[in-house]
PDB file of N, CA and C in Angstrom:
ATOM      1  N   MET A   1     -20.064 -18.599 -27.905  1.00  0.00           N
ATOM      2  CA  MET A   1     -19.041 -19.489 -27.376  1.00  0.00           C
ATOM      3  C   MET A   1     -19.748 -20.448 -26.430  1.00  0.00           C
ATOM      4  N   ASN A   2     -19.401 -21.727 -26.526  1.00  0.00           N
ATOM      5  CA  ASN A   2     -20.117 -22.671 -25.668  1.00  0.00           C
ATOM      6  C   ASN A   2     -19.575 -22.644 -24.237  1.00  0.00           C
ATOM      7  N   GLN A   3     -20.369 -23.137 -23.321  1.00  0.00           N
ATOM      8  CA  GLN A   3     -20.050 -23.060 -21.891  1.00  0.00           C
ATOM      9  C   GLN A   3     -18.751 -23.775 -21.541  1.00  0.00           C
ATOM     10  N   GLN A   4     -18.446 -24.858 -22.241  1.00  0.00           N
ATOM     11  CA  GLN A   4     -17.202 -25.592 -21.966  1.00  0.00           C
ATOM     12  C   GLN A   4     -15.990 -24.678 -22.176  1.00  0.00           C
ATOM     13  N   PHE A   5     -15.986 -23.904 -23.246  1.00  0.00           N
ATOM     14  CA  PHE A   5     -14.868 -22.995 -23.514  1.00  0.00           C
ATOM     15  C   PHE A   5     -14.817 -21.880 -22.473  1.00  0.00           C
ATOM     16  N   ILE A   6     -15.964 -21.360 -22.106  1.00  0.00           N
ATOM     17  CA  ILE A   6     -16.008 -20.302 -21.094  1.00  0.00           C
ATOM     18  C   ILE A   6     -15.452 -20.820 -19.772  1.00  0.00           C
ATOM     19  N   ASP A   7     -15.839 -22.034 -19.390  1.00  0.00           N
ATOM     20  CA  ASP A   7     -15.319 -22.629 -18.156  1.00  0.00           C
ATOM     21  C   ASP A   7     -13.809 -22.783 -18.210  1.00  0.00           C
ATOM     22  N   ARG A   8     -13.275 -23.218 -19.352  1.00  0.00           N
ATOM     23  CA  ARG A   8     -11.819 -23.381 -19.490  1.00  0.00           C
ATOM     24  C   ARG A   8     -11.109 -22.040 -19.380  1.00  0.00           C
ATOM     25  N   ILE A   9     -11.687 -21.003 -19.978  1.00  0.00           N
ATOM     26  CA  ILE A   9     -11.094 -19.660 -19.877  1.00  0.00           C
ATOM     27  C   ILE A   9     -11.092 -19.198 -18.427  1.00  0.00           C
ATOM     28  N   ASN A  10     -12.200 -19.417 -17.740  1.00  0.00           N
ATOM     29  CA  ASN A  10     -12.295 -18.989 -16.344  1.00  0.00           C
ATOM     30  C   ASN A  10     -11.328 -19.737 -15.434  1.00  0.00           C
ATOM     31  N   GLU A  11     -10.908 -20.936 -15.820  1.00  0.00           N
ATOM     32  CA  GLU A  11      -9.969 -21.713 -15.012  1.00  0.00           C
ATOM     33  C   GLU A  11      -8.513 -21.317 -15.224  1.00  0.00           C
ATOM     34  N   LEU A  12      -8.236 -20.524 -16.242  1.00  0.00           N
ATOM     35  CA  LEU A  12      -6.863 -20.070 -16.465  1.00  0.00           C
ATOM     36  C   LEU A  12      -6.431 -19.217 -15.283  1.00  0.00           C
ATOM     37  N   PRO A  13      -5.134 -19.265 -14.913  1.00  0.00           N
ATOM     38  CA  PRO A  13      -4.668 -18.544 -13.726  1.00  0.00           C
ATOM     39  C   PRO A  13      -4.978 -17.054 -13.748  1.00  0.00           C
ATOM     40  N   ASP A  14      -4.823 -16.409 -14.868  1.00  0.00           N
ATOM     41  CA  ASP A  14      -5.055 -14.975 -14.947  1.00  0.00           C
ATOM     42  C   ASP A  14      -5.501 -14.633 -16.355  1.00  0.00           C
ATOM     43  N   VAL A  15      -6.784 -14.474 -16.550  1.00  0.00           N
ATOM     44  CA  VAL A  15      -7.316 -14.204 -17.880  1.00  0.00           C
ATOM     45  C   VAL A  15      -6.716 -12.931 -18.464  1.00  0.00           C
ATOM     46  N   PHE A  16      -6.369 -11.978 -17.605  1.00  0.00           N
ATOM     47  CA  PHE A  16      -5.825 -10.722 -18.106  1.00  0.00           C
ATOM     48  C   PHE A  16      -4.413 -10.882 -18.665  1.00  0.00           C
ATOM     49  N   MET A  17      -3.787 -12.029 -18.455  1.00  0.00           N
ATOM     50  CA  MET A  17      -2.457 -12.278 -19.011  1.00  0.00           C
ATOM     51  C   MET A  17      -2.530 -12.828 -20.426  1.00  0.00           C
ATOM     52  N   LEU A  18      -3.716 -13.050 -20.973  1.00  0.00           N
ATOM     53  CA  LEU A  18      -3.840 -13.695 -22.276  1.00  0.00           C
ATOM     54  C   LEU A  18      -3.050 -12.977 -23.366  1.00  0.00           C
ATOM     55  N   ALA A  19      -3.148 -11.651 -23.420  1.00  0.00           N
ATOM     56  CA  ALA A  19      -2.455 -10.930 -24.483  1.00  0.00           C
ATOM     57  C   ALA A  19      -0.948 -11.144 -24.399  1.00  0.00           C
ATOM     58  N   ARG A  20      -0.404 -11.148 -23.196  1.00  0.00           N
ATOM     59  CA  ARG A  20       1.036 -11.348 -23.035  1.00  0.00           C
ATOM     60  C   ARG A  20       1.413 -12.794 -23.357  1.00  0.00           C
ATOM     61  N   LEU A  21       0.589 -13.733 -22.962  1.00  0.00           N
ATOM     62  CA  LEU A  21       0.905 -15.139 -23.178  1.00  0.00           C
ATOM     63  C   LEU A  21       0.944 -15.523 -24.646  1.00  0.00           C
ATOM     64  N   VAL A  22       0.114 -14.921 -25.451  1.00  0.00           N
ATOM     65  CA  VAL A  22       0.039 -15.320 -26.846  1.00  0.00           C
ATOM     66  C   VAL A  22       0.767 -14.374 -27.783  1.00  0.00           C
ATOM     67  N   GLN A  23       1.591 -13.519 -27.237  1.00  0.00           N
ATOM     68  CA  GLN A  23       2.261 -12.528 -28.069  1.00  0.00           C
ATOM     69  C   GLN A  23       3.052 -13.175 -29.203  1.00  0.00           C
ATOM     70  N   PHE A  24       3.731 -14.280 -28.945  1.00  0.00           N
ATOM     71  CA  PHE A  24       4.536 -14.876 -30.007  1.00  0.00           C
ATOM     72  C   PHE A  24       3.660 -15.450 -31.098  1.00  0.00           C
ATOM     73  N   LYS A  25       2.416 -15.731 -30.824  1.00  0.00           N
ATOM     74  CA  LYS A  25       1.485 -16.190 -31.851  1.00  0.00           C
ATOM     75  C   LYS A  25       0.806 -15.009 -32.544  1.00  0.00           C
ATOM     76  N   TYR A  26       0.957 -13.827 -31.990  1.00  0.00           N
ATOM     77  CA  TYR A  26       0.418 -12.586 -32.556  1.00  0.00           C
ATOM     78  C   TYR A  26      -1.098 -12.463 -32.480  1.00  0.00           C
ATOM     79  N   ILE A  27      -1.767 -13.300 -31.723  1.00  0.00           N
ATOM     80  CA  ILE A  27      -3.224 -13.208 -31.600  1.00  0.00           C
ATOM     81  C   ILE A  27      -3.568 -12.151 -30.562  1.00  0.00           C
ATOM     82  N   GLN A  28      -4.442 -11.220 -30.961  1.00  0.00           N
ATOM     83  CA  GLN A  28      -4.904 -10.197 -30.035  1.00  0.00           C
ATOM     84  C   GLN A  28      -6.398 -10.312 -29.756  1.00  0.00           C
ATOM     85  N   THR A  29      -7.177 -10.671 -30.752  1.00  0.00           N
ATOM     86  CA  THR A  29      -8.622 -10.791 -30.562  1.00  0.00           C
ATOM     87  C   THR A  29      -9.152 -11.995 -31.333  1.00  0.00           C
ATOM     88  N   ILE A  30     -10.231 -12.542 -30.820  1.00  0.00           N
ATOM     89  CA  ILE A  30     -10.950 -13.605 -31.520  1.00  0.00           C
ATOM     90  C   ILE A  30     -12.432 -13.263 -31.407  1.00  0.00           C
ATOM     91  N   ASN A  31     -13.069 -13.032 -32.544  1.00  0.00           N
ATOM     92  CA  ASN A  31     -14.493 -12.714 -32.543  1.00  0.00           C
ATOM     93  C   ASN A  31     -15.307 -13.994 -32.652  1.00  0.00           C
ATOM     94  N   THR A  32     -16.504 -13.967 -32.103  1.00  0.00           N
ATOM     95  CA  THR A  32     -17.394 -15.116 -32.243  1.00  0.00           C
ATOM     96  C   THR A  32     -17.889 -15.197 -33.684  1.00  0.00           C
ATOM     97  N   PRO A  33     -18.206 -16.397 -34.136  1.00  0.00           N
ATOM     98  CA  PRO A  33     -18.601 -16.540 -35.542  1.00  0.00           C
ATOM     99  C   PRO A  33     -19.980 -15.949 -35.838  1.00  0.00           C
ATOM    100  N   ASN A  34     -20.129 -15.487 -37.063  1.00  0.00           N
ATOM    101  CA  ASN A  34     -21.443 -15.088 -37.561  1.00  0.00           C
ATOM    102  C   ASN A  34     -21.835 -16.113 -38.636  1.00  0.00           C
ATOM    103  N   ASP A  35     -22.755 -15.799 -39.494  1.00  0.00           N
ATOM    104  CA  ASP A  35     -23.197 -16.755 -40.512  1.00  0.00           C
ATOM    105  C   ASP A  35     -22.141 -17.018 -41.581  1.00  0.00           C
ATOM    106  N   THR A  36     -21.171 -16.130 -41.704  1.00  0.00           N
ATOM    107  CA  THR A  36     -20.192 -16.211 -42.785  1.00  0.00           C
ATOM    108  C   THR A  36     -18.818 -16.660 -42.329  1.00  0.00           C
ATOM    109  N   ASN A  37     -18.330 -16.113 -41.197  1.00  0.00           N
ATOM    110  CA  ASN A  37     -16.961 -16.382 -40.763  1.00  0.00           C
ATOM    111  C   ASN A  37     -16.757 -15.985 -39.310  1.00  0.00           C
ATOM    112  N   PHE A  38     -15.523 -16.162 -38.834  1.00  0.00           N
ATOM    113  CA  PHE A  38     -15.092 -15.545 -37.588  1.00  0.00           C
ATOM    114  C   PHE A  38     -13.746 -14.909 -37.858  1.00  0.00           C
ATOM    115  N   LYS A  39     -13.415 -13.888 -37.075  1.00  0.00           N
ATOM    116  CA  LYS A  39     -12.208 -13.103 -37.329  1.00  0.00           C
ATOM    117  C   LYS A  39     -11.239 -13.247 -36.166  1.00  0.00           C
ATOM    118  N   VAL A  40      -9.961 -13.398 -36.508  1.00  0.00           N
ATOM    119  CA  VAL A  40      -8.884 -13.401 -35.524  1.00  0.00           C
ATOM    120  C   VAL A  40      -8.021 -12.187 -35.830  1.00  0.00           C
ATOM    121  N   GLY A  41      -7.925 -11.278 -34.855  1.00  0.00           N
ATOM    122  CA  GLY A  41      -7.103 -10.086 -35.012  1.00  0.00           C
ATOM    123  C   GLY A  41      -5.689 -10.367 -34.533  1.00  0.00           C
ATOM    124  N   LEU A  42      -4.733 -10.000 -35.340  1.00  0.00           N
ATOM    125  CA  LEU A  42      -3.326 -10.243 -35.042  1.00  0.00           C
ATOM    126  C   LEU A  42      -2.598  -8.926 -34.811  1.00  0.00           C
ATOM    127  N   ALA A  43      -1.467  -9.002 -34.131  1.00  0.00           N
ATOM    128  CA  ALA A  43      -0.640  -7.824 -33.902  1.00  0.00           C
ATOM    129  C   ALA A  43      -0.297  -7.187 -35.243  1.00  0.00           C
ATOM    130  N   GLY A  44      -0.195  -5.887 -35.254  1.00  0.00           N
ATOM    131  CA  GLY A  44       0.134  -5.178 -36.480  1.00  0.00           C
ATOM    132  C   GLY A  44      -1.083  -4.885 -37.333  1.00  0.00           C
ATOM    133  N   GLY A  45      -2.281  -5.217 -36.830  1.00  0.00           N
ATOM    134  CA  GLY A  45      -3.496  -4.902 -37.560  1.00  0.00           C
ATOM    135  C   GLY A  45      -3.928  -5.940 -38.575  1.00  0.00           C
ATOM    136  N   HIS A  46      -3.206  -7.029 -38.676  1.00  0.00           N
ATOM    137  CA  HIS A  46      -3.600  -8.073 -39.618  1.00  0.00           C
ATOM    138  C   HIS A  46      -4.820  -8.810 -39.090  1.00  0.00           C
ATOM    139  N   GLU A  47      -5.651  -9.295 -40.002  1.00  0.00           N
ATOM    140  CA  GLU A  47      -6.818 -10.070 -39.636  1.00  0.00           C
ATOM    141  C   GLU A  47      -6.875 -11.318 -40.493  1.00  0.00           C
ATOM    142  N   VAL A  48      -7.249 -12.422 -39.891  1.00  0.00           N
ATOM    143  CA  VAL A  48      -7.469 -13.659 -40.638  1.00  0.00           C
ATOM    144  C   VAL A  48      -8.882 -14.131 -40.330  1.00  0.00           C
ATOM    145  N   PHE A  49      -9.440 -14.872 -41.255  1.00  0.00           N
ATOM    146  CA  PHE A  49     -10.826 -15.299 -41.128  1.00  0.00           C
ATOM    147  C   PHE A  49     -10.920 -16.813 -41.221  1.00  0.00           C
ATOM    148  N   GLY A  50     -11.868 -17.359 -40.493  1.00  0.00           N
ATOM    149  CA  GLY A  50     -12.133 -18.781 -40.545  1.00  0.00           C
ATOM    150  C   GLY A  50     -13.604 -19.023 -40.817  1.00  0.00           C
ATOM    151  N   LYS A  51     -13.913 -20.214 -41.265  1.00  0.00           N
ATOM    152  CA  LYS A  51     -15.308 -20.589 -41.491  1.00  0.00           C
ATOM    153  C   LYS A  51     -15.978 -20.845 -40.150  1.00  0.00           C
ATOM    154  N   PRO A  52     -17.275 -20.563 -40.040  1.00  0.00           N
ATOM    155  CA  PRO A  52     -17.960 -20.786 -38.760  1.00  0.00           C
ATOM    156  C   PRO A  52     -17.782 -22.208 -38.236  1.00  0.00           C
ATOM    157  N   GLU A  53     -17.754 -23.205 -39.113  1.00  0.00           N
ATOM    158  CA  GLU A  53     -17.607 -24.592 -38.668  1.00  0.00           C
ATOM    159  C   GLU A  53     -16.199 -24.906 -38.152  1.00  0.00           C
ATOM    160  N   GLN A  54     -15.237 -24.014 -38.357  1.00  0.00           N
ATOM    161  CA  GLN A  54     -13.874 -24.203 -37.866  1.00  0.00           C
ATOM    162  C   GLN A  54     -13.676 -23.591 -36.474  1.00  0.00           C
ATOM    163  N   TYR A  55     -14.639 -22.811 -36.006  1.00  0.00           N
ATOM    164  CA  TYR A  55     -14.484 -22.036 -34.772  1.00  0.00           C
ATOM    165  C   TYR A  55     -14.216 -22.912 -33.545  1.00  0.00           C
ATOM    166  N   ASN A  56     -15.037 -23.923 -33.314  1.00  0.00           N
ATOM    167  CA  ASN A  56     -14.869 -24.750 -32.112  1.00  0.00           C
ATOM    168  C   ASN A  56     -13.513 -25.442 -32.084  1.00  0.00           C
ATOM    169  N   ALA A  57     -13.078 -25.975 -33.209  1.00  0.00           N
ATOM    170  CA  ALA A  57     -11.765 -26.628 -33.266  1.00  0.00           C
ATOM    171  C   ALA A  57     -10.651 -25.613 -33.022  1.00  0.00           C
ATOM    172  N   PHE A  58     -10.793 -24.403 -33.575  1.00  0.00           N
ATOM    173  CA  PHE A  58      -9.787 -23.364 -33.379  1.00  0.00           C
ATOM    174  C   PHE A  58      -9.696 -22.960 -31.910  1.00  0.00           C
ATOM    175  N   ILE A  59     -10.854 -22.696 -31.290  1.00  0.00           N
ATOM    176  CA  ILE A  59     -10.876 -22.282 -29.888  1.00  0.00           C
ATOM    177  C   ILE A  59     -10.311 -23.392 -28.998  1.00  0.00           C
ATOM    178  N   ASP A  60     -10.654 -24.634 -29.281  1.00  0.00           N
ATOM    179  CA  ASP A  60     -10.132 -25.752 -28.495  1.00  0.00           C
ATOM    180  C   ASP A  60      -8.609 -25.820 -28.581  1.00  0.00           C
ATOM    181  N   LYS A  61      -8.076 -25.687 -29.771  1.00  0.00           N
ATOM    182  CA  LYS A  61      -6.621 -25.724 -29.954  1.00  0.00           C
ATOM    183  C   LYS A  61      -5.953 -24.541 -29.258  1.00  0.00           C
ATOM    184  N   TYR A  62      -6.544 -23.369 -29.375  1.00  0.00           N
ATOM    185  CA  TYR A  62      -5.999 -22.161 -28.756  1.00  0.00           C
ATOM    186  C   TYR A  62      -6.024 -22.279 -27.232  1.00  0.00           C
ATOM    187  N   LEU A  63      -7.143 -22.741 -26.671  1.00  0.00           N
ATOM    188  CA  LEU A  63      -7.228 -22.897 -25.225  1.00  0.00           C
ATOM    189  C   LEU A  63      -6.268 -23.972 -24.724  1.00  0.00           C
ATOM    190  N   SER A  64      -6.103 -25.040 -25.477  1.00  0.00           N
ATOM    191  CA  SER A  64      -5.137 -26.075 -25.093  1.00  0.00           C
ATOM    192  C   SER A  64      -3.727 -25.491 -25.023  1.00  0.00           C
ATOM    193  N   TRP A  65      -3.398 -24.633 -25.974  1.00  0.00           N
ATOM    194  CA  TRP A  65      -2.087 -23.987 -25.968  1.00  0.00           C
ATOM    195  C   TRP A  65      -1.943 -23.105 -24.734  1.00  0.00           C
ATOM    196  N   LEU A  66      -2.992 -22.306 -24.429  1.00  0.00           N
ATOM    197  CA  LEU A  66      -2.940 -21.439 -23.245  1.00  0.00           C
ATOM    198  C   LEU A  66      -2.794 -22.256 -21.964  1.00  0.00           C
ATOM    199  N   GLU A  67      -3.520 -23.347 -21.874  1.00  0.00           N
ATOM    200  CA  GLU A  67      -3.479 -24.176 -20.682  1.00  0.00           C
ATOM    201  C   GLU A  67      -2.117 -24.850 -20.493  1.00  0.00           C
ATOM    202  N   SER A  68      -1.373 -24.998 -21.578  1.00  0.00           N
ATOM    203  CA  SER A  68      -0.052 -25.631 -21.480  1.00  0.00           C
ATOM    204  C   SER A  68       1.043 -24.658 -21.058  1.00  0.00           C
ATOM    205  N   ARG A  69       0.737 -23.380 -21.018  1.00  0.00           N
ATOM    206  CA  ARG A  69       1.733 -22.360 -20.661  1.00  0.00           C
ATOM    207  C   ARG A  69       2.036 -22.416 -19.204  1.00  0.00           C
TER     208      ARG A  69
END
């Protein structure tokens, strides 16, 4: 994860509230990308995968949503 994203996460009021804040989106975990994909874990055990080149755009959109809460 690049430093810009880490800085944005650290600026959120309470990082430990992330799971509660995104409950309606069902996101529970986001893994960093490997050579093949990255994984987003959803409530209920579902998993979705993205291409490594989609990771930065996904994280940016997700953090923007969190920052708007």
